[in-house]
Amino acid sequence: MSDWLCRHGNLLLAAAEWREFAFARDAVEFSDSVLSKQMAMLRAAELVEVRKG
């Protein structure tokens, strides 16, 4: 996982009950594919819940 996301992504994600993917992507300035991979790792570690649809 990127060092930046480890340091700053937790604050971004913890600040609200949920975030839309586009908001998180724009806030961390990652491409869709990079953020998707990072979110998959966080989900596997049970640090975030991912909702689709």
C-alpha atoms as a PDB file:
ATOM      1  CA  MET A   1       0.000   0.000   0.000  1.00  0.00           C
ATOM      2  CA  SER A   2       1.322   3.445  -0.779  1.00  0.00           C
ATOM      3  CA  ASP A   3       2.912   5.326   2.082  1.00  0.00           C
ATOM      4  CA  TRP A   4       0.792   8.406   1.301  1.00  0.00           C
ATOM      5  CA  LEU A   5      -2.461   6.486   1.575  1.00  0.00           C
ATOM      6  CA  CYS A   6      -1.347   4.906   4.832  1.00  0.00           C
ATOM      7  CA  ARG A   7      -0.632   8.333   6.318  1.00  0.00           C
ATOM      8  CA  HIS A   8      -3.452  10.402   4.832  1.00  0.00           C
ATOM      9  CA  GLY A   9      -6.055   8.013   3.476  1.00  0.00           C
ATOM     10  CA  ASN A  10      -7.043   6.887   6.952  1.00  0.00           C
ATOM     11  CA  LEU A  11      -7.980  10.462   7.846  1.00  0.00           C
ATOM     12  CA  LEU A  12      -9.904  10.860   4.616  1.00  0.00           C
ATOM     13  CA  LEU A  13     -11.844   7.647   5.104  1.00  0.00           C
ATOM     14  CA  ALA A  14     -12.328   7.926   8.863  1.00  0.00           C
ATOM     15  CA  ALA A  15     -13.809  11.405   8.680  1.00  0.00           C
ATOM     16  CA  ALA A  16     -17.183  10.112   7.478  1.00  0.00           C
ATOM     17  CA  GLU A  17     -19.385   7.062   7.625  1.00  0.00           C
ATOM     18  CA  TRP A  18     -19.071   6.647   3.846  1.00  0.00           C
ATOM     19  CA  ARG A  19     -17.379   8.224   0.846  1.00  0.00           C
ATOM     20  CA  GLU A  20     -18.136   7.993  -2.834  1.00  0.00           C
ATOM     21  CA  PHE A  21     -15.349   6.514  -4.917  1.00  0.00           C
ATOM     22  CA  ALA A  22     -15.006   9.670  -7.041  1.00  0.00           C
ATOM     23  CA  PHE A  23     -14.579  11.848  -3.949  1.00  0.00           C
ATOM     24  CA  ALA A  24     -11.843   9.605  -2.538  1.00  0.00           C
ATOM     25  CA  ARG A  25     -10.143   9.299  -5.944  1.00  0.00           C
ATOM     26  CA  ASP A  26     -10.069  13.055  -6.429  1.00  0.00           C
ATOM     27  CA  ALA A  27      -8.940  13.727  -2.855  1.00  0.00           C
ATOM     28  CA  VAL A  28      -5.947  11.379  -3.042  1.00  0.00           C
ATOM     29  CA  GLU A  29      -5.282  12.159  -6.730  1.00  0.00           C
ATOM     30  CA  PHE A  30      -5.017   8.500  -7.757  1.00  0.00           C
ATOM     31  CA  SER A  31      -6.241   6.897 -10.958  1.00  0.00           C
ATOM     32  CA  ASP A  32      -9.325   4.686 -10.728  1.00  0.00           C
ATOM     33  CA  SER A  33      -7.232   1.531 -11.049  1.00  0.00           C
ATOM     34  CA  VAL A  34      -4.714   2.522  -8.365  1.00  0.00           C
ATOM     35  CA  LEU A  35      -7.429   3.504  -5.886  1.00  0.00           C
ATOM     36  CA  SER A  36      -9.343   0.301  -6.621  1.00  0.00           C
ATOM     37  CA  LYS A  37      -6.259  -1.770  -5.816  1.00  0.00           C
ATOM     38  CA  GLN A  38      -5.624   0.189  -2.623  1.00  0.00           C
ATOM     39  CA  MET A  39      -9.255  -0.178  -1.545  1.00  0.00           C
ATOM     40  CA  ALA A  40      -9.118  -3.915  -2.227  1.00  0.00           C
ATOM     41  CA  MET A  41      -6.145  -4.214   0.135  1.00  0.00           C
ATOM     42  CA  LEU A  42      -7.935  -2.174   2.814  1.00  0.00           C
ATOM     43  CA  ARG A  43     -11.040  -4.306   2.359  1.00  0.00           C
ATOM     44  CA  ALA A  44      -9.023  -7.539   2.644  1.00  0.00           C
ATOM     45  CA  ALA A  45      -7.567  -6.214   5.904  1.00  0.00           C
ATOM     46  CA  GLU A  46     -11.140  -5.433   7.037  1.00  0.00           C
ATOM     47  CA  LEU A  47     -10.299  -1.745   7.448  1.00  0.00           C
ATOM     48  CA  VAL A  48     -13.034  -0.509   5.105  1.00  0.00           C
ATOM     49  CA  GLU A  49     -16.362  -1.718   3.802  1.00  0.00           C
ATOM     50  CA  VAL A  50     -16.908  -1.421   0.080  1.00  0.00           C
ATOM     51  CA  ARG A  51     -20.409  -0.888  -1.238  1.00  0.00           C
ATOM     52  CA  LYS A  52     -21.142  -1.113  -4.949  1.00  0.00           C
ATOM     53  CA  GLY A  53     -24.130   0.043  -6.883  1.00  0.00           C
END
